[in-house]
Amino acid sequence: MTSATTFPQLTGEYSLDPAHTRIGFVARHAMVTKVRGAFNEFSGTIQVDGDAPEKSSVRLTIQATSIDTRNADRDGHLRSNDFLAMDEFPEITFVSTAVARTGDTSFDVTGDLTVRGTTRSVTVPFEFEGSAKDPFGNERIGFEGSTSISRKDFGITWNAALETGGVLIGDKVTLEFEVSAVKSV
């Protein structure tokens, strides 16, 4: 793992590598299990200021239609007006507003998350996983993080009551980020 003392060497602009990055989510289903999914189409940049990490920034754009829970019927429902309303809101975006170093290799990235036309401030704790030069000469960095949001905060309120009590879908959604980014500048 790259130590904290080498952060200045990481200064530059990085592009997310979609082939090696996962943007996923987990939600409670039927009150007894969890459904996991991911978005397969996205782009993003990370501007790293190694000397002053608080000046770093992140931009992410996700194509809502790329949602994938490994079930075509469920994915179709999630794309509908009951959930993401992707015809009207085809993109989910995150634009950082602050980066704070919280440990030797940990950072809180706060930003504006926009889902279904509603924007809320969200903080994602990230762990820096390291940097490396890959076999093709690309300089890479890796981060992992997750946070939980309320889907109701973004106007996603559809649900169904269960005969045994409770609801089909939990309100809490955990967002998961496993990021590999390649230095472009």
C-alpha atoms as a PDB file:
ATOM      1  CA  MET A   1       0.000   0.000   0.000  1.00  0.00           C
ATOM      2  CA  THR A   2       1.176   3.512  -0.723  1.00  0.00           C
ATOM      3  CA  SER A   3       1.962   5.382   2.465  1.00  0.00           C
ATOM      4  CA  ALA A   4       0.511   8.761   3.373  1.00  0.00           C
ATOM      5  CA  THR A   5       3.892  10.414   2.796  1.00  0.00           C
ATOM      6  CA  THR A   6       3.653   9.764  -0.955  1.00  0.00           C
ATOM      7  CA  PHE A   7       0.327  11.545  -1.507  1.00  0.00           C
ATOM      8  CA  PRO A   8       2.051  14.524  -3.214  1.00  0.00           C
ATOM      9  CA  GLN A   9       3.214  12.109  -5.928  1.00  0.00           C
ATOM     10  CA  LEU A  10      -0.425  11.279  -6.645  1.00  0.00           C
ATOM     11  CA  THR A  11      -1.404  14.841  -7.592  1.00  0.00           C
ATOM     12  CA  GLY A  12      -3.260  14.944 -10.899  1.00  0.00           C
ATOM     13  CA  GLU A  13      -6.490  14.130 -12.654  1.00  0.00           C
ATOM     14  CA  TYR A  14      -7.761  10.563 -12.796  1.00  0.00           C
ATOM     15  CA  SER A  15     -10.579   8.950 -14.780  1.00  0.00           C
ATOM     16  CA  LEU A  16     -12.614   6.090 -13.379  1.00  0.00           C
ATOM     17  CA  ASP A  17     -11.838   2.781 -15.052  1.00  0.00           C
ATOM     18  CA  PRO A  18     -15.287   1.225 -15.617  1.00  0.00           C
ATOM     19  CA  ALA A  19     -13.782  -2.230 -16.203  1.00  0.00           C
ATOM     20  CA  HIS A  20     -12.230  -2.228 -12.728  1.00  0.00           C
ATOM     21  CA  THR A  21     -14.670  -0.056 -10.757  1.00  0.00           C
ATOM     22  CA  ARG A  22     -17.902  -1.194  -9.120  1.00  0.00           C
ATOM     23  CA  ILE A  23     -20.681   1.193  -8.135  1.00  0.00           C
ATOM     24  CA  GLY A  24     -23.149  -0.930  -6.251  1.00  0.00           C
ATOM     25  CA  PHE A  25     -26.007  -0.853  -3.792  1.00  0.00           C
ATOM     26  CA  VAL A  26     -27.728  -3.074  -1.246  1.00  0.00           C
ATOM     27  CA  ALA A  27     -31.353  -2.840  -0.081  1.00  0.00           C
ATOM     28  CA  ARG A  28     -33.425  -4.950   2.304  1.00  0.00           C
ATOM     29  CA  HIS A  29     -36.006  -7.153   0.516  1.00  0.00           C
ATOM     30  CA  ALA A  30     -39.121  -8.694   2.106  1.00  0.00           C
ATOM     31  CA  MET A  31     -37.597  -7.902   5.506  1.00  0.00           C
ATOM     32  CA  VAL A  32     -35.654 -11.173   5.429  1.00  0.00           C
ATOM     33  CA  THR A  33     -32.863 -10.777   2.896  1.00  0.00           C
ATOM     34  CA  LYS A  34     -30.913  -8.256   0.847  1.00  0.00           C
ATOM     35  CA  VAL A  35     -30.839  -7.506  -2.863  1.00  0.00           C
ATOM     36  CA  ARG A  36     -27.530  -6.383  -4.318  1.00  0.00           C
ATOM     37  CA  GLY A  37     -27.099  -4.550  -7.567  1.00  0.00           C
ATOM     38  CA  ALA A  38     -24.770  -2.305  -9.502  1.00  0.00           C
ATOM     39  CA  PHE A  39     -24.708   0.323 -12.206  1.00  0.00           C
ATOM     40  CA  ASN A  40     -22.726  -0.827 -15.226  1.00  0.00           C
ATOM     41  CA  GLU A  41     -22.416   2.465 -17.146  1.00  0.00           C
ATOM     42  CA  PHE A  42     -20.812   5.482 -15.530  1.00  0.00           C
ATOM     43  CA  SER A  43     -18.004   7.981 -15.924  1.00  0.00           C
ATOM     44  CA  GLY A  44     -16.159  10.086 -13.452  1.00  0.00           C
ATOM     45  CA  THR A  45     -13.068  12.031 -12.590  1.00  0.00           C
ATOM     46  CA  ILE A  46     -11.037  12.488  -9.447  1.00  0.00           C
ATOM     47  CA  GLN A  47      -8.839  15.552  -9.095  1.00  0.00           C
ATOM     48  CA  VAL A  48      -6.220  14.697  -6.474  1.00  0.00           C
ATOM     49  CA  ASP A  49      -4.247  17.391  -4.681  1.00  0.00           C
ATOM     50  CA  GLY A  50      -1.654  15.342  -2.815  1.00  0.00           C
ATOM     51  CA  ASP A  51      -0.245  18.330  -0.941  1.00  0.00           C
ATOM     52  CA  ALA A  52      -3.676  19.533   0.219  1.00  0.00           C
ATOM     53  CA  PRO A  53      -6.200  16.670  -0.001  1.00  0.00           C
ATOM     54  CA  GLU A  54      -9.010  19.019   1.050  1.00  0.00           C
ATOM     55  CA  LYS A  55      -8.617  20.687  -2.367  1.00  0.00           C
ATOM     56  CA  SER A  56      -9.296  17.378  -4.146  1.00  0.00           C
ATOM     57  CA  SER A  57     -12.603  16.785  -5.926  1.00  0.00           C
ATOM     58  CA  VAL A  58     -14.787  14.069  -7.428  1.00  0.00           C
ATOM     59  CA  ARG A  59     -17.398  14.081 -10.221  1.00  0.00           C
ATOM     60  CA  LEU A  60     -19.486  11.032 -11.089  1.00  0.00           C
ATOM     61  CA  THR A  61     -22.256  10.477 -13.647  1.00  0.00           C
ATOM     62  CA  ILE A  62     -24.201   7.196 -13.639  1.00  0.00           C
ATOM     63  CA  GLN A  63     -26.574   6.081 -16.401  1.00  0.00           C
ATOM     64  CA  ALA A  64     -29.752   5.022 -14.555  1.00  0.00           C
ATOM     65  CA  THR A  65     -30.697   2.584 -17.314  1.00  0.00           C
ATOM     66  CA  SER A  66     -27.572   0.530 -16.524  1.00  0.00           C
ATOM     67  CA  ILE A  67     -28.988  -0.702 -13.200  1.00  0.00           C
ATOM     68  CA  ASP A  68     -28.383  -4.442 -12.845  1.00  0.00           C
ATOM     69  CA  THR A  69     -29.690  -6.684 -10.067  1.00  0.00           C
ATOM     70  CA  ARG A  70     -29.400  -9.878 -12.143  1.00  0.00           C
ATOM     71  CA  ASN A  71     -33.189  -9.972 -12.580  1.00  0.00           C
ATOM     72  CA  ALA A  72     -34.642  -8.380 -15.740  1.00  0.00           C
ATOM     73  CA  ASP A  73     -38.165  -7.897 -14.326  1.00  0.00           C
ATOM     74  CA  ARG A  74     -36.867  -6.225 -11.164  1.00  0.00           C
ATOM     75  CA  ASP A  75     -34.458  -4.056 -13.187  1.00  0.00           C
ATOM     76  CA  GLY A  76     -37.348  -2.935 -15.399  1.00  0.00           C
ATOM     77  CA  HIS A  77     -39.367  -1.975 -12.327  1.00  0.00           C
ATOM     78  CA  LEU A  78     -36.396  -0.077 -10.855  1.00  0.00           C
ATOM     79  CA  ARG A  79     -36.090   1.916 -14.114  1.00  0.00           C
ATOM     80  CA  SER A  80     -39.798   2.850 -13.985  1.00  0.00           C
ATOM     81  CA  ASN A  81     -41.491   5.877 -12.433  1.00  0.00           C
ATOM     82  CA  ASP A  82     -41.967   3.872  -9.212  1.00  0.00           C
ATOM     83  CA  PHE A  83     -38.210   4.143  -8.607  1.00  0.00           C
ATOM     84  CA  LEU A  84     -35.594   5.878 -10.782  1.00  0.00           C
ATOM     85  CA  ALA A  85     -37.942   7.317 -13.446  1.00  0.00           C
ATOM     86  CA  MET A  86     -35.075   6.987 -15.893  1.00  0.00           C
ATOM     87  CA  ASP A  87     -37.017   8.317 -18.884  1.00  0.00           C
ATOM     88  CA  GLU A  88     -37.278  11.682 -17.150  1.00  0.00           C
ATOM     89  CA  PHE A  89     -34.065  11.421 -15.093  1.00  0.00           C
ATOM     90  CA  PRO A  90     -31.579   9.342 -17.110  1.00  0.00           C
ATOM     91  CA  GLU A  91     -28.572  10.235 -14.949  1.00  0.00           C
ATOM     92  CA  ILE A  92     -27.601   9.991 -11.304  1.00  0.00           C
ATOM     93  CA  THR A  93     -24.822  12.419 -10.388  1.00  0.00           C
ATOM     94  CA  PHE A  94     -22.445  13.093  -7.532  1.00  0.00           C
ATOM     95  CA  VAL A  95     -20.340  16.253  -7.331  1.00  0.00           C
ATOM     96  CA  SER A  96     -18.085  16.679  -4.321  1.00  0.00           C
ATOM     97  CA  THR A  97     -18.291  19.812  -2.209  1.00  0.00           C
ATOM     98  CA  ALA A  98     -15.648  18.901   0.402  1.00  0.00           C
ATOM     99  CA  VAL A  99     -12.897  16.367   1.036  1.00  0.00           C
ATOM    100  CA  ALA A 100     -11.588  15.859   4.557  1.00  0.00           C
ATOM    101  CA  ARG A 101      -8.711  13.650   5.613  1.00  0.00           C
ATOM    102  CA  THR A 102      -9.838  11.545   8.582  1.00  0.00           C
ATOM    103  CA  GLY A 103      -6.790   9.283   9.043  1.00  0.00           C
ATOM    104  CA  ASP A 104      -3.532   8.228   7.432  1.00  0.00           C
ATOM    105  CA  THR A 105      -5.336   6.686   4.463  1.00  0.00           C
ATOM    106  CA  SER A 106      -8.968   7.609   5.049  1.00  0.00           C
ATOM    107  CA  PHE A 107     -11.042  10.479   3.704  1.00  0.00           C
ATOM    108  CA  ASP A 108     -14.614  11.721   3.943  1.00  0.00           C
ATOM    109  CA  VAL A 109     -15.912  12.892   0.578  1.00  0.00           C
ATOM    110  CA  THR A 110     -19.021  15.058   0.916  1.00  0.00           C
ATOM    111  CA  GLY A 111     -21.018  16.075  -2.112  1.00  0.00           C
ATOM    112  CA  ASP A 112     -24.309  16.646  -3.831  1.00  0.00           C
ATOM    113  CA  LEU A 113     -25.978  13.379  -4.852  1.00  0.00           C
ATOM    114  CA  THR A 114     -28.788  13.861  -7.371  1.00  0.00           C
ATOM    115  CA  VAL A 115     -31.234  11.004  -7.880  1.00  0.00           C
ATOM    116  CA  ARG A 116     -34.526  11.425  -9.697  1.00  0.00           C
ATOM    117  CA  GLY A 117     -34.101  15.200  -9.808  1.00  0.00           C
ATOM    118  CA  THR A 118     -33.636  15.530  -6.043  1.00  0.00           C
ATOM    119  CA  THR A 119     -30.292  16.653  -4.647  1.00  0.00           C
ATOM    120  CA  ARG A 120     -29.092  15.869  -1.124  1.00  0.00           C
ATOM    121  CA  SER A 121     -25.732  16.243   0.580  1.00  0.00           C
ATOM    122  CA  VAL A 122     -24.114  12.858   1.234  1.00  0.00           C
ATOM    123  CA  THR A 123     -20.819  11.979   2.911  1.00  0.00           C
ATOM    124  CA  VAL A 124     -18.967   8.843   1.844  1.00  0.00           C
ATOM    125  CA  PRO A 125     -16.068   7.621   4.001  1.00  0.00           C
ATOM    126  CA  PHE A 126     -13.328   6.290   1.703  1.00  0.00           C
ATOM    127  CA  GLU A 127     -10.220   4.258   2.371  1.00  0.00           C
ATOM    128  CA  PHE A 128      -7.241   4.775   0.057  1.00  0.00           C
ATOM    129  CA  GLU A 129      -6.243   1.274  -1.073  1.00  0.00           C
ATOM    130  CA  GLY A 130      -3.002   2.262  -2.785  1.00  0.00           C
ATOM    131  CA  SER A 131      -1.419   3.203  -6.070  1.00  0.00           C
ATOM    132  CA  ALA A 132       0.424   1.209  -8.708  1.00  0.00           C
ATOM    133  CA  LYS A 133       1.704   1.335 -12.246  1.00  0.00           C
ATOM    134  CA  ASP A 134      -0.101  -1.355 -14.236  1.00  0.00           C
ATOM    135  CA  PRO A 135       1.551  -3.528 -16.942  1.00  0.00           C
ATOM    136  CA  PHE A 136       0.433  -1.005 -19.597  1.00  0.00           C
ATOM    137  CA  GLY A 137       2.229   1.914 -17.933  1.00  0.00           C
ATOM    138  CA  ASN A 138      -0.924   3.496 -16.456  1.00  0.00           C
ATOM    139  CA  GLU A 139      -0.709   5.075 -13.028  1.00  0.00           C
ATOM    140  CA  ARG A 140      -3.655   3.789 -10.965  1.00  0.00           C
ATOM    141  CA  ILE A 141      -5.156   4.629  -7.602  1.00  0.00           C
ATOM    142  CA  GLY A 142      -7.770   2.699  -5.676  1.00  0.00           C
ATOM    143  CA  PHE A 143     -10.377   3.684  -3.104  1.00  0.00           C
ATOM    144  CA  GLU A 144     -13.214   1.840  -1.374  1.00  0.00           C
ATOM    145  CA  GLY A 145     -16.130   3.359   0.483  1.00  0.00           C
ATOM    146  CA  SER A 146     -19.767   3.015   1.374  1.00  0.00           C
ATOM    147  CA  THR A 147     -22.577   4.997   2.936  1.00  0.00           C
ATOM    148  CA  SER A 148     -26.283   4.587   3.584  1.00  0.00           C
ATOM    149  CA  ILE A 149     -29.038   6.836   2.305  1.00  0.00           C
ATOM    150  CA  SER A 150     -32.810   6.948   2.694  1.00  0.00           C
ATOM    151  CA  ARG A 151     -34.481   6.353  -0.655  1.00  0.00           C
ATOM    152  CA  LYS A 152     -37.431   8.443   0.583  1.00  0.00           C
ATOM    153  CA  ASP A 153     -35.090  11.451   0.784  1.00  0.00           C
ATOM    154  CA  PHE A 154     -34.901  11.221  -3.020  1.00  0.00           C
ATOM    155  CA  GLY A 155     -38.637  10.837  -3.594  1.00  0.00           C
ATOM    156  CA  ILE A 156     -38.530   7.058  -4.039  1.00  0.00           C
ATOM    157  CA  THR A 157     -41.420   5.920  -1.879  1.00  0.00           C
ATOM    158  CA  TRP A 158     -42.997   2.975  -3.730  1.00  0.00           C
ATOM    159  CA  ASN A 159     -43.514  -0.083  -1.548  1.00  0.00           C
ATOM    160  CA  ALA A 160     -45.853  -3.006  -0.954  1.00  0.00           C
ATOM    161  CA  ALA A 161     -47.163  -4.324   2.358  1.00  0.00           C
ATOM    162  CA  LEU A 162     -46.389  -7.916   3.285  1.00  0.00           C
ATOM    163  CA  GLU A 163     -49.090 -10.250   4.610  1.00  0.00           C
ATOM    164  CA  THR A 164     -46.896 -11.061   7.595  1.00  0.00           C
ATOM    165  CA  GLY A 165     -46.328  -7.389   8.380  1.00  0.00           C
ATOM    166  CA  GLY A 166     -43.662  -5.017   7.220  1.00  0.00           C
ATOM    167  CA  VAL A 167     -42.897  -3.920   3.699  1.00  0.00           C
ATOM    168  CA  LEU A 168     -41.322  -5.382   0.586  1.00  0.00           C
ATOM    169  CA  ILE A 169     -38.431  -2.913   0.317  1.00  0.00           C
ATOM    170  CA  GLY A 170     -36.488  -1.247   3.121  1.00  0.00           C
ATOM    171  CA  ASP A 171     -35.964   2.507   3.071  1.00  0.00           C
ATOM    172  CA  LYS A 172     -32.221   2.300   3.729  1.00  0.00           C
ATOM    173  CA  VAL A 173     -30.002   1.766   0.697  1.00  0.00           C
ATOM    174  CA  THR A 174     -26.282   1.201   1.144  1.00  0.00           C
ATOM    175  CA  LEU A 175     -24.163   2.643  -1.667  1.00  0.00           C
ATOM    176  CA  GLU A 176     -20.875   0.830  -2.331  1.00  0.00           C
ATOM    177  CA  PHE A 177     -17.875   2.180  -4.236  1.00  0.00           C
ATOM    178  CA  GLU A 178     -14.853   0.120  -5.290  1.00  0.00           C
ATOM    179  CA  VAL A 179     -12.867   2.550  -7.394  1.00  0.00           C
ATOM    180  CA  SER A 180      -9.916   2.091  -9.709  1.00  0.00           C
ATOM    181  CA  ALA A 181      -8.891   5.281 -11.500  1.00  0.00           C
ATOM    182  CA  VAL A 182      -6.223   5.924 -14.115  1.00  0.00           C
ATOM    183  CA  LYS A 183      -4.143   9.094 -14.163  1.00  0.00           C
ATOM    184  CA  SER A 184      -4.906  11.152 -17.241  1.00  0.00           C
ATOM    185  CA  VAL A 185      -3.048  14.405 -16.451  1.00  0.00           C
END
